[in-house]
Amino acid sequence: MPKRRDLNHATIRDGLRKLGFHVEDTADLGHGFPDLLANKKNREGTAVLLEVKMPGEKLTPAEIIFHQLYPGPIAIVYSLEDAILALK
């Protein structure tokens, strides 16, 4: 069963793609795994996991555990602008 997506999910995903980022939509993986994996198209820099949230929304218990255990870069983003900053 597909996971519910936040209303800003598509705006952030599609906006990053239009700006030249490679974006994998991982929202259906569940178990606390973040919604998007993004990197520059030229593969420069490190891929970043992005947890998309609506303003005021909090992480679920599974997301909190994932964030605590994951050793790489991960960011909570509420807007396209947040996502761009996380990828710099």
N, C-alpha and C. Protein backbone atom coordinates (compact mmCIF):
# COMPACT_ATOMS: atom_id res chain seq x y z
N MET A 1 0.85 -1.18 0.00
CA MET A 1 0.00 0.00 0.00
C MET A 1 0.89 1.25 0.00
N PRO A 2 0.69 2.17 -0.95
CA PRO A 2 1.53 3.36 -1.02
C PRO A 2 1.39 4.23 0.23
N LYS A 3 2.51 4.80 0.62
CA LYS A 3 2.54 5.69 1.77
C LYS A 3 1.89 7.02 1.41
N ARG A 4 1.26 7.65 2.37
CA ARG A 4 0.68 8.98 2.16
C ARG A 4 1.81 9.99 1.93
N ARG A 5 1.65 10.83 0.94
CA ARG A 5 2.66 11.85 0.66
C ARG A 5 2.16 13.21 1.15
N ASP A 6 3.10 14.00 1.66
CA ASP A 6 2.75 15.36 2.07
C ASP A 6 2.41 16.19 0.84
N LEU A 7 1.61 17.22 1.03
CA LEU A 7 1.16 18.05 -0.09
C LEU A 7 2.30 18.74 -0.83
N ASN A 8 3.43 18.96 -0.15
CA ASN A 8 4.57 19.64 -0.77
C ASN A 8 5.56 18.66 -1.41
N HIS A 9 5.30 17.37 -1.31
CA HIS A 9 6.22 16.34 -1.81
C HIS A 9 6.54 16.52 -3.29
N ALA A 10 5.51 16.56 -4.13
CA ALA A 10 5.72 16.66 -5.58
C ALA A 10 6.39 17.98 -5.96
N THR A 11 6.03 19.06 -5.28
CA THR A 11 6.64 20.36 -5.57
C THR A 11 8.14 20.31 -5.32
N ILE A 12 8.54 19.71 -4.22
CA ILE A 12 9.97 19.61 -3.88
C ILE A 12 10.67 18.66 -4.85
N ARG A 13 10.12 17.48 -5.06
CA ARG A 13 10.73 16.49 -5.96
C ARG A 13 10.88 17.05 -7.38
N ASP A 14 9.80 17.57 -7.93
CA ASP A 14 9.83 18.06 -9.30
C ASP A 14 10.67 19.33 -9.44
N GLY A 15 10.63 20.17 -8.41
CA GLY A 15 11.44 21.40 -8.44
C GLY A 15 12.92 21.09 -8.46
N LEU A 16 13.35 20.12 -7.65
CA LEU A 16 14.76 19.72 -7.65
C LEU A 16 15.17 19.16 -9.01
N ARG A 17 14.31 18.35 -9.59
CA ARG A 17 14.62 17.78 -10.91
C ARG A 17 14.76 18.88 -11.96
N LYS A 18 13.88 19.87 -11.93
CA LYS A 18 13.96 20.98 -12.88
C LYS A 18 15.24 21.78 -12.71
N LEU A 19 15.76 21.79 -11.49
CA LEU A 19 17.01 22.53 -11.21
C LEU A 19 18.26 21.70 -11.51
N GLY A 20 18.07 20.50 -12.01
CA GLY A 20 19.21 19.69 -12.42
C GLY A 20 19.70 18.66 -11.41
N PHE A 21 18.91 18.41 -10.38
CA PHE A 21 19.30 17.39 -9.41
C PHE A 21 18.75 16.04 -9.85
N HIS A 22 19.48 14.98 -9.53
CA HIS A 22 18.97 13.62 -9.71
C HIS A 22 18.19 13.29 -8.44
N VAL A 23 16.94 12.91 -8.59
CA VAL A 23 16.09 12.66 -7.43
C VAL A 23 15.41 11.30 -7.57
N GLU A 24 15.57 10.47 -6.56
CA GLU A 24 14.84 9.20 -6.48
C GLU A 24 13.74 9.37 -5.44
N ASP A 25 12.53 9.04 -5.81
CA ASP A 25 11.39 9.13 -4.90
C ASP A 25 11.31 7.81 -4.12
N THR A 26 11.64 7.87 -2.85
CA THR A 26 11.71 6.68 -2.01
C THR A 26 10.57 6.64 -0.97
N ALA A 27 9.55 7.43 -1.18
CA ALA A 27 8.48 7.57 -0.20
C ALA A 27 7.74 6.27 0.09
N ASP A 28 7.70 5.36 -0.87
CA ASP A 28 6.96 4.12 -0.66
C ASP A 28 7.74 3.06 0.12
N LEU A 29 9.01 3.31 0.43
CA LEU A 29 9.80 2.31 1.15
C LEU A 29 9.32 2.10 2.57
N GLY A 30 8.85 3.16 3.22
CA GLY A 30 8.34 3.04 4.58
C GLY A 30 9.41 2.72 5.61
N HIS A 31 9.01 2.27 6.78
CA HIS A 31 9.91 1.90 7.88
C HIS A 31 10.82 3.06 8.30
N GLY A 32 10.35 4.29 8.14
CA GLY A 32 11.12 5.45 8.55
C GLY A 32 12.10 5.97 7.52
N PHE A 33 12.21 5.27 6.37
CA PHE A 33 13.15 5.72 5.34
C PHE A 33 12.65 7.05 4.77
N PRO A 34 13.54 8.03 4.58
CA PRO A 34 13.12 9.33 4.07
C PRO A 34 12.47 9.27 2.70
N ASP A 35 11.81 10.35 2.32
CA ASP A 35 10.99 10.42 1.13
C ASP A 35 11.76 10.55 -0.18
N LEU A 36 12.90 11.22 -0.14
CA LEU A 36 13.66 11.47 -1.36
C LEU A 36 15.15 11.25 -1.14
N LEU A 37 15.83 10.80 -2.20
CA LEU A 37 17.29 10.73 -2.22
C LEU A 37 17.71 11.63 -3.36
N ALA A 38 18.55 12.61 -3.10
CA ALA A 38 18.89 13.59 -4.13
C ALA A 38 20.39 13.83 -4.19
N ASN A 39 20.85 14.14 -5.41
CA ASN A 39 22.24 14.47 -5.66
C ASN A 39 22.30 15.30 -6.93
N LYS A 40 23.41 15.99 -7.13
CA LYS A 40 23.59 16.74 -8.36
C LYS A 40 23.69 15.77 -9.53
N LYS A 41 23.17 16.15 -10.69
CA LYS A 41 23.19 15.27 -11.86
C LYS A 41 24.60 14.86 -12.25
N ASN A 42 25.57 15.74 -12.03
CA ASN A 42 26.95 15.42 -12.41
C ASN A 42 27.65 14.56 -11.36
N ARG A 43 26.89 14.12 -10.36
CA ARG A 43 27.37 13.23 -9.30
C ARG A 43 28.42 13.89 -8.39
N GLU A 44 28.54 15.19 -8.49
CA GLU A 44 29.42 15.93 -7.57
C GLU A 44 28.76 15.97 -6.20
N GLY A 45 29.55 15.84 -5.17
CA GLY A 45 29.01 15.93 -3.83
C GLY A 45 28.40 14.62 -3.38
N THR A 46 27.80 14.66 -2.24
CA THR A 46 27.23 13.48 -1.61
C THR A 46 25.72 13.47 -1.78
N ALA A 47 25.17 12.29 -1.98
CA ALA A 47 23.71 12.17 -2.02
C ALA A 47 23.16 12.46 -0.62
N VAL A 48 22.02 13.11 -0.57
CA VAL A 48 21.39 13.49 0.69
C VAL A 48 19.99 12.90 0.74
N LEU A 49 19.65 12.31 1.86
CA LEU A 49 18.28 11.84 2.08
C LEU A 49 17.45 13.01 2.59
N LEU A 50 16.26 13.17 2.02
CA LEU A 50 15.39 14.29 2.39
C LEU A 50 14.06 13.75 2.93
N GLU A 51 13.75 14.13 4.15
CA GLU A 51 12.45 13.80 4.74
C GLU A 51 11.54 15.00 4.52
N VAL A 52 10.51 14.84 3.70
CA VAL A 52 9.59 15.93 3.38
C VAL A 52 8.50 15.99 4.44
N LYS A 53 8.32 17.17 5.00
CA LYS A 53 7.27 17.40 6.01
C LYS A 53 6.54 18.69 5.69
N MET A 54 5.31 18.74 6.10
CA MET A 54 4.56 19.99 6.05
C MET A 54 4.97 20.82 7.27
N PRO A 55 4.93 22.15 7.17
CA PRO A 55 5.27 22.97 8.33
C PRO A 55 4.44 22.55 9.55
N GLY A 56 5.13 22.39 10.67
CA GLY A 56 4.49 22.00 11.92
C GLY A 56 4.39 20.50 12.12
N GLU A 57 4.64 19.73 11.08
CA GLU A 57 4.56 18.27 11.17
C GLU A 57 5.83 17.72 11.81
N LYS A 58 5.68 16.68 12.62
CA LYS A 58 6.82 16.09 13.33
C LYS A 58 7.17 14.73 12.73
N LEU A 59 8.38 14.27 13.04
CA LEU A 59 8.81 12.94 12.60
C LEU A 59 8.00 11.86 13.31
N THR A 60 7.77 10.76 12.60
CA THR A 60 7.12 9.61 13.21
C THR A 60 8.16 8.88 14.06
N PRO A 61 7.73 7.98 14.96
CA PRO A 61 8.71 7.21 15.74
C PRO A 61 9.70 6.44 14.86
N ALA A 62 9.23 5.85 13.76
CA ALA A 62 10.13 5.11 12.86
C ALA A 62 11.13 6.06 12.20
N GLU A 63 10.70 7.26 11.84
CA GLU A 63 11.60 8.24 11.23
C GLU A 63 12.66 8.71 12.23
N ILE A 64 12.26 8.90 13.47
CA ILE A 64 13.22 9.31 14.51
C ILE A 64 14.32 8.26 14.65
N ILE A 65 13.93 7.00 14.70
CA ILE A 65 14.92 5.92 14.82
C ILE A 65 15.84 5.91 13.61
N PHE A 66 15.26 6.02 12.41
CA PHE A 66 16.09 6.02 11.20
C PHE A 66 17.09 7.17 11.24
N HIS A 67 16.64 8.36 11.59
CA HIS A 67 17.52 9.53 11.66
C HIS A 67 18.64 9.32 12.66
N GLN A 68 18.35 8.67 13.77
CA GLN A 68 19.37 8.43 14.79
C GLN A 68 20.41 7.41 14.32
N LEU A 69 20.00 6.44 13.53
CA LEU A 69 20.90 5.36 13.13
C LEU A 69 21.63 5.60 11.81
N TYR A 70 21.07 6.40 10.94
CA TYR A 70 21.66 6.60 9.61
C TYR A 70 22.93 7.45 9.73
N PRO A 71 24.06 6.96 9.19
CA PRO A 71 25.33 7.68 9.34
C PRO A 71 25.57 8.79 8.32
N GLY A 72 24.79 8.86 7.27
CA GLY A 72 25.03 9.83 6.21
C GLY A 72 24.19 11.08 6.36
N PRO A 73 24.31 11.98 5.35
CA PRO A 73 23.55 13.23 5.42
C PRO A 73 22.05 13.00 5.20
N ILE A 74 21.30 13.64 6.07
CA ILE A 74 19.84 13.54 6.04
C ILE A 74 19.28 14.88 6.52
N ALA A 75 18.22 15.34 5.88
CA ALA A 75 17.64 16.64 6.25
C ALA A 75 16.12 16.56 6.22
N ILE A 76 15.51 17.30 7.11
CA ILE A 76 14.06 17.47 7.11
C ILE A 76 13.79 18.75 6.33
N VAL A 77 12.94 18.67 5.30
CA VAL A 77 12.69 19.84 4.46
C VAL A 77 11.19 20.11 4.40
N TYR A 78 10.86 21.39 4.38
CA TYR A 78 9.48 21.83 4.35
C TYR A 78 9.13 22.54 3.04
N SER A 79 10.17 22.83 2.24
CA SER A 79 9.96 23.58 1.00
C SER A 79 11.08 23.26 0.02
N LEU A 80 10.89 23.67 -1.22
CA LEU A 80 11.94 23.52 -2.23
C LEU A 80 13.19 24.26 -1.80
N GLU A 81 13.03 25.43 -1.21
CA GLU A 81 14.17 26.22 -0.76
C GLU A 81 14.97 25.46 0.31
N ASP A 82 14.28 24.82 1.24
CA ASP A 82 14.94 24.01 2.27
C ASP A 82 15.76 22.89 1.62
N ALA A 83 15.17 22.24 0.62
CA ALA A 83 15.84 21.13 -0.05
C ALA A 83 17.09 21.61 -0.77
N ILE A 84 17.01 22.74 -1.43
CA ILE A 84 18.17 23.29 -2.14
C ILE A 84 19.28 23.58 -1.15
N LEU A 85 18.95 24.18 -0.02
CA LEU A 85 19.96 24.46 1.01
C LEU A 85 20.60 23.18 1.53
N ALA A 86 19.80 22.14 1.71
CA ALA A 86 20.32 20.87 2.23
C ALA A 86 21.28 20.22 1.24
N LEU A 87 21.14 20.53 -0.03
CA LEU A 87 21.99 19.91 -1.06
C LEU A 87 23.22 20.73 -1.39
N LYS A 88 23.41 21.86 -0.75
CA LYS A 88 24.60 22.69 -1.01
C LYS A 88 25.78 22.19 -0.22
